[in-house]
C-alpha atoms as a PDB file:
ATOM      1  CA  UNK A   1      48.144 -10.009  -6.346  1.00  0.00           C
ATOM      2  CA  UNK A   2      48.108  -6.952  -8.389  1.00  0.00           C
ATOM      3  CA  UNK A   3      45.396  -4.107  -7.765  1.00  0.00           C
ATOM      4  CA  UNK A   4      42.814  -3.790 -10.186  1.00  0.00           C
ATOM      5  CA  UNK A   5      43.458  -0.683 -12.465  1.00  0.00           C
ATOM      6  CA  UNK A   6      39.732   0.572 -12.390  1.00  0.00           C
ATOM      7  CA  UNK A   7      40.018   0.985  -8.833  1.00  0.00           C
ATOM      8  CA  UNK A   8      41.066   4.521  -7.179  1.00  0.00           C
ATOM      9  CA  UNK A   9      43.327   4.546  -4.406  1.00  0.00           C
ATOM     10  CA  UNK A  10      41.302   6.347  -1.505  1.00  0.00           C
ATOM     11  CA  UNK A  11      42.527   8.387   0.984  1.00  0.00           C
ATOM     12  CA  UNK A  12      40.817  10.029   3.957  1.00  0.00           C
ATOM     13  CA  UNK A  13      41.636  13.803   4.059  1.00  0.00           C
ATOM     14  CA  UNK A  14      39.885  13.739   7.557  1.00  0.00           C
ATOM     15  CA  UNK A  15      43.172  13.198   9.306  1.00  0.00           C
ATOM     16  CA  UNK A  16      44.915  16.048   7.432  1.00  0.00           C
ATOM     17  CA  UNK A  17      43.927  19.043   9.256  1.00  0.00           C
ATOM     18  CA  UNK A  18      46.970  21.201   8.553  1.00  0.00           C
ATOM     19  CA  UNK A  19      48.302  24.760   7.619  1.00  0.00           C
ATOM     20  CA  UNK A  20      50.602  25.551   4.876  1.00  0.00           C
ATOM     21  CA  UNK A  21      51.958  29.091   3.421  1.00  0.00           C
ATOM     22  CA  UNK A  22      51.887  29.165  -0.185  1.00  0.00           C
ATOM     23  CA  UNK A  23      52.167  32.198  -2.781  1.00  0.00           C
ATOM     24  CA  UNK A  24      50.018  32.460  -6.022  1.00  0.00           C
ATOM     25  CA  UNK A  25      50.989  34.361  -9.020  1.00  0.00           C
ATOM     26  CA  UNK A  26      47.626  36.490  -9.783  1.00  0.00           C
ATOM     27  CA  UNK A  27      49.164  38.500 -12.764  1.00  0.00           C
ATOM     28  CA  UNK A  28      49.283  35.323 -14.872  1.00  0.00           C
ATOM     29  CA  UNK A  29      45.695  34.417 -14.008  1.00  0.00           C
ATOM     30  CA  UNK A  30      43.967  37.990 -14.852  1.00  0.00           C
ATOM     31  CA  UNK A  31      46.399  38.864 -17.692  1.00  0.00           C
ATOM     32  CA  UNK A  32      44.534  39.844 -20.746  1.00  0.00           C
ATOM     33  CA  UNK A  33      41.145  40.599 -18.913  1.00  0.00           C
ATOM     34  CA  UNK A  34      39.292  43.714 -19.232  1.00  0.00           C
ATOM     35  CA  UNK A  35      39.760  46.447 -16.270  1.00  0.00           C
ATOM     36  CA  UNK A  36      36.280  45.801 -14.827  1.00  0.00           C
ATOM     37  CA  UNK A  37      36.781  41.960 -14.550  1.00  0.00           C
ATOM     38  CA  UNK A  38      40.230  41.743 -12.962  1.00  0.00           C
ATOM     39  CA  UNK A  39      39.721  41.861  -9.221  1.00  0.00           C
ATOM     40  CA  UNK A  40      36.667  39.648  -9.191  1.00  0.00           C
ATOM     41  CA  UNK A  41      38.368  37.368 -11.344  1.00  0.00           C
ATOM     42  CA  UNK A  42      41.214  37.121  -8.880  1.00  0.00           C
ATOM     43  CA  UNK A  43      39.091  36.353  -6.276  1.00  0.00           C
ATOM     44  CA  UNK A  44      37.585  33.169  -8.281  1.00  0.00           C
ATOM     45  CA  UNK A  45      41.113  32.122  -9.073  1.00  0.00           C
ATOM     46  CA  UNK A  46      42.481  32.254  -5.535  1.00  0.00           C
ATOM     47  CA  UNK A  47      39.041  30.174  -4.643  1.00  0.00           C
ATOM     48  CA  UNK A  48      39.995  27.794  -7.644  1.00  0.00           C
ATOM     49  CA  UNK A  49      43.595  27.293  -6.684  1.00  0.00           C
ATOM     50  CA  UNK A  50      42.978  26.623  -3.177  1.00  0.00           C
ATOM     51  CA  UNK A  51      40.715  24.023  -3.941  1.00  0.00           C
ATOM     52  CA  UNK A  52      43.144  22.385  -6.135  1.00  0.00           C
ATOM     53  CA  UNK A  53      45.954  22.704  -3.494  1.00  0.00           C
ATOM     54  CA  UNK A  54      44.107  21.623  -0.531  1.00  0.00           C
ATOM     55  CA  UNK A  55      41.625  19.358  -1.825  1.00  0.00           C
ATOM     56  CA  UNK A  56      38.470  20.849  -0.299  1.00  0.00           C
ATOM     57  CA  UNK A  57      35.642  22.430  -1.966  1.00  0.00           C
ATOM     58  CA  UNK A  58      34.609  24.563   0.912  1.00  0.00           C
ATOM     59  CA  UNK A  59      36.877  27.563   0.486  1.00  0.00           C
ATOM     60  CA  UNK A  60      36.375  30.474   2.990  1.00  0.00           C
ATOM     61  CA  UNK A  61      38.113  33.820   2.296  1.00  0.00           C
ATOM     62  CA  UNK A  62      39.039  35.714   5.335  1.00  0.00           C
ATOM     63  CA  UNK A  63      37.787  39.523   4.861  1.00  0.00           C
ATOM     64  CA  UNK A  64      41.503  40.887   4.791  1.00  0.00           C
ATOM     65  CA  UNK A  65      42.317  38.495   2.017  1.00  0.00           C
ATOM     66  CA  UNK A  66      39.430  40.147   0.144  1.00  0.00           C
ATOM     67  CA  UNK A  67      40.780  43.593   1.141  1.00  0.00           C
ATOM     68  CA  UNK A  68      44.099  42.746   0.194  1.00  0.00           C
ATOM     69  CA  UNK A  69      43.200  41.511  -3.538  1.00  0.00           C
ATOM     70  CA  UNK A  70      40.848  44.597  -3.802  1.00  0.00           C
ATOM     71  CA  UNK A  71      43.068  47.152  -2.308  1.00  0.00           C
ATOM     72  CA  UNK A  72      44.538  48.651  -5.472  1.00  0.00           C
ATOM     73  CA  UNK A  73      40.900  48.652  -6.728  1.00  0.00           C
ATOM     74  CA  UNK A  74      39.217  46.792  -9.579  1.00  0.00           C
ATOM     75  CA  UNK A  75      41.893  47.328 -12.317  1.00  0.00           C
ATOM     76  CA  UNK A  76      44.941  46.774 -10.376  1.00  0.00           C
ATOM     77  CA  UNK A  77      45.488  43.404  -8.800  1.00  0.00           C
ATOM     78  CA  UNK A  78      48.680  42.731  -6.922  1.00  0.00           C
ATOM     79  CA  UNK A  79      50.896  40.437  -9.111  1.00  0.00           C
ATOM     80  CA  UNK A  80      51.811  38.058  -6.326  1.00  0.00           C
ATOM     81  CA  UNK A  81      50.144  37.315  -2.695  1.00  0.00           C
ATOM     82  CA  UNK A  82      51.189  34.872   0.059  1.00  0.00           C
ATOM     83  CA  UNK A  83      48.553  33.031   1.944  1.00  0.00           C
ATOM     84  CA  UNK A  84      48.073  31.151   4.767  1.00  0.00           C
ATOM     85  CA  UNK A  85      45.891  28.041   3.997  1.00  0.00           C
ATOM     86  CA  UNK A  86      44.431  26.344   7.182  1.00  0.00           C
ATOM     87  CA  UNK A  87      42.418  23.166   6.530  1.00  0.00           C
ATOM     88  CA  UNK A  88      39.985  22.579   9.359  1.00  0.00           C
ATOM     89  CA  UNK A  89      36.860  20.342  10.494  1.00  0.00           C
ATOM     90  CA  UNK A  90      33.727  21.458   9.602  1.00  0.00           C
ATOM     91  CA  UNK A  91      31.731  21.406  13.099  1.00  0.00           C
ATOM     92  CA  UNK A  92      28.218  22.110  11.654  1.00  0.00           C
ATOM     93  CA  UNK A  93      26.243  18.633  11.648  1.00  0.00           C
ATOM     94  CA  UNK A  94      24.476  19.871   8.541  1.00  0.00           C
ATOM     95  CA  UNK A  95      27.270  20.847   6.402  1.00  0.00           C
ATOM     96  CA  UNK A  96      27.788  18.771   2.989  1.00  0.00           C
ATOM     97  CA  UNK A  97      31.605  18.926   3.234  1.00  0.00           C
ATOM     98  CA  UNK A  98      33.323  17.616   6.467  1.00  0.00           C
ATOM     99  CA  UNK A  99      36.702  19.989   5.973  1.00  0.00           C
ATOM    100  CA  UNK A 100      36.909  23.362   4.600  1.00  0.00           C
ATOM    101  CA  UNK A 101      39.781  25.694   4.198  1.00  0.00           C
ATOM    102  CA  UNK A 102      40.141  29.348   5.481  1.00  0.00           C
ATOM    103  CA  UNK A 103      42.285  31.616   3.543  1.00  0.00           C
ATOM    104  CA  UNK A 104      44.237  34.312   5.379  1.00  0.00           C
ATOM    105  CA  UNK A 105      46.676  36.613   3.859  1.00  0.00           C
ATOM    106  CA  UNK A 106      50.438  37.202   4.962  1.00  0.00           C
ATOM    107  CA  UNK A 107      51.143  40.648   5.165  1.00  0.00           C
ATOM    108  CA  UNK A 108      54.616  42.489   4.776  1.00  0.00           C
ATOM    109  CA  UNK A 109      56.050  40.291   2.235  1.00  0.00           C
ATOM    110  CA  UNK A 110      57.441  42.319  -0.646  1.00  0.00           C
ATOM    111  CA  UNK A 111      60.067  40.119  -2.175  1.00  0.00           C
ATOM    112  CA  UNK A 112      58.611  36.504  -3.123  1.00  0.00           C
ATOM    113  CA  UNK A 113      61.950  35.540  -4.495  1.00  0.00           C
ATOM    114  CA  UNK A 114      62.952  32.219  -3.154  1.00  0.00           C
ATOM    115  CA  UNK A 115      59.853  31.505  -1.115  1.00  0.00           C
ATOM    116  CA  UNK A 116      58.482  28.032  -1.142  1.00  0.00           C
ATOM    117  CA  UNK A 117      55.343  26.501   0.001  1.00  0.00           C
ATOM    118  CA  UNK A 118      55.764  25.439   3.617  1.00  0.00           C
ATOM    119  CA  UNK A 119      53.966  23.366   5.937  1.00  0.00           C
ATOM    120  CA  UNK A 120      53.319  24.963   9.287  1.00  0.00           C
ATOM    121  CA  UNK A 121      53.397  22.840  12.586  1.00  0.00           C
ATOM    122  CA  UNK A 122      50.017  23.053  14.463  1.00  0.00           C
ATOM    123  CA  UNK A 123      51.407  22.703  17.792  1.00  0.00           C
END
Protein backbone atom coordinates (compact mmCIF):
# COMPACT_ATOMS: atom_id res chain seq x y z
CA UNK A 1 0.00 0.00 0.00
CA UNK A 2 1.35 3.42 -0.92
CA UNK A 3 2.00 6.08 1.66
CA UNK A 4 -0.34 9.08 1.69
CA UNK A 5 1.59 12.00 0.14
CA UNK A 6 0.07 14.45 2.62
CA UNK A 7 1.63 12.64 5.57
CA UNK A 8 5.17 13.57 6.44
CA UNK A 9 7.67 11.05 7.66
CA UNK A 10 8.28 11.63 11.32
CA UNK A 11 11.63 10.95 12.85
CA UNK A 12 12.52 11.38 16.47
CA UNK A 13 15.78 13.22 17.05
CA UNK A 14 15.87 12.20 20.71
CA UNK A 15 18.09 9.23 19.95
CA UNK A 16 20.34 11.36 17.79
CA UNK A 17 22.56 12.78 20.51
CA UNK A 18 25.69 13.33 18.51
CA UNK A 19 28.70 15.57 18.00
CA UNK A 20 29.99 16.88 14.70
CA UNK A 21 32.75 19.21 13.58
CA UNK A 22 31.90 21.56 10.74
CA UNK A 23 33.23 24.72 9.13
CA UNK A 24 31.18 27.82 8.35
CA UNK A 25 32.07 30.39 5.73
CA UNK A 26 31.19 33.63 7.52
CA UNK A 27 32.54 35.97 4.85
CA UNK A 28 29.73 35.19 2.42
CA UNK A 29 27.17 35.72 5.15
CA UNK A 30 28.34 39.19 6.19
CA UNK A 31 29.54 40.42 2.78
CA UNK A 32 28.09 43.80 1.90
CA UNK A 33 27.04 44.76 5.41
CA UNK A 34 28.09 47.96 7.08
CA UNK A 35 30.99 47.67 9.47
CA UNK A 36 28.92 48.14 12.64
CA UNK A 37 26.64 45.24 11.73
CA UNK A 38 29.11 42.53 10.78
CA UNK A 39 29.93 40.75 14.06
CA UNK A 40 26.37 40.86 15.43
CA UNK A 41 25.10 39.43 12.14
CA UNK A 42 27.81 36.76 12.20
CA UNK A 43 26.55 35.54 15.58
CA UNK A 44 22.98 35.40 14.23
CA UNK A 45 24.13 33.58 11.11
CA UNK A 46 26.01 30.98 13.18
CA UNK A 47 22.85 30.35 15.19
CA UNK A 48 20.74 30.00 12.03
CA UNK A 49 23.32 27.70 10.42
CA UNK A 50 23.45 25.46 13.51
CA UNK A 51 19.65 25.34 13.70
CA UNK A 52 19.48 24.16 10.10
CA UNK A 53 22.36 21.70 10.42
CA UNK A 54 21.45 20.09 13.75
CA UNK A 55 17.66 20.48 13.74
CA UNK A 56 17.35 22.12 17.17
CA UNK A 57 15.86 25.51 17.87
CA UNK A 58 17.71 25.88 21.16
CA UNK A 59 21.29 26.85 20.19
CA UNK A 60 23.76 27.78 22.93
CA UNK A 61 27.02 29.48 21.99
CA UNK A 62 29.95 28.89 24.27
CA UNK A 63 31.53 32.18 25.45
CA UNK A 64 34.70 31.08 23.66
CA UNK A 65 32.75 30.88 20.37
CA UNK A 66 31.46 34.39 20.88
CA UNK A 67 35.00 35.55 21.68
CA UNK A 68 36.40 33.97 18.51
CA UNK A 69 33.79 35.72 16.36
CA UNK A 70 34.41 39.09 18.02
CA UNK A 71 38.20 38.81 18.48
CA UNK A 72 39.04 41.05 15.52
CA UNK A 73 36.44 43.66 16.47
CA UNK A 74 33.01 44.54 15.19
CA UNK A 75 34.01 45.04 11.57
CA UNK A 76 36.60 42.30 10.94
CA UNK A 77 34.89 38.93 11.15
CA UNK A 78 37.05 35.85 10.44
CA UNK A 79 36.37 34.50 6.97
CA UNK A 80 35.91 30.90 8.11
CA UNK A 81 35.55 29.21 11.47
CA UNK A 82 35.38 25.59 12.56
CA UNK A 83 32.94 24.62 15.29
CA UNK A 84 32.17 21.51 17.29
CA UNK A 85 28.41 21.07 17.55
CA UNK A 86 27.11 18.86 20.35
CA UNK A 87 23.41 17.96 20.32
CA UNK A 88 22.42 17.11 23.89
CA UNK A 89 19.31 16.22 25.83
CA UNK A 90 17.79 19.02 27.87
CA UNK A 91 17.56 17.97 31.53
CA UNK A 92 15.33 20.87 32.50
CA UNK A 93 11.73 19.72 32.94
CA UNK A 94 10.31 23.16 32.13
CA UNK A 95 12.14 23.46 28.79
CA UNK A 96 10.15 23.80 25.58
CA UNK A 97 12.67 21.85 23.53
CA UNK A 98 13.93 18.36 24.43
CA UNK A 99 17.28 18.86 22.72
CA UNK A 100 19.74 21.71 22.52
CA UNK A 101 22.97 22.27 20.63
CA UNK A 102 26.14 23.52 22.28
CA UNK A 103 28.51 25.34 19.91
CA UNK A 104 32.21 25.43 20.80
CA UNK A 105 35.06 26.61 18.56
CA UNK A 106 37.86 24.39 17.32
CA UNK A 107 40.95 26.49 17.88
CA UNK A 108 44.25 26.39 16.04
CA UNK A 109 43.02 25.77 12.51
CA UNK A 110 44.52 28.12 9.94
CA UNK A 111 44.04 26.14 6.73
CA UNK A 112 40.50 25.01 5.98
CA UNK A 113 41.40 23.41 2.66
CA UNK A 114 40.06 19.86 2.43
CA UNK A 115 38.22 19.86 5.77
CA UNK A 116 34.88 18.08 5.73
CA UNK A 117 32.01 17.89 8.19
CA UNK A 118 32.80 14.91 10.40
CA UNK A 119 30.82 12.98 13.00
CA UNK A 120 32.73 12.41 16.23
CA UNK A 121 32.13 9.28 18.29
CA UNK A 122 30.70 9.83 21.77
CA UNK A 123 32.62 7.03 23.46
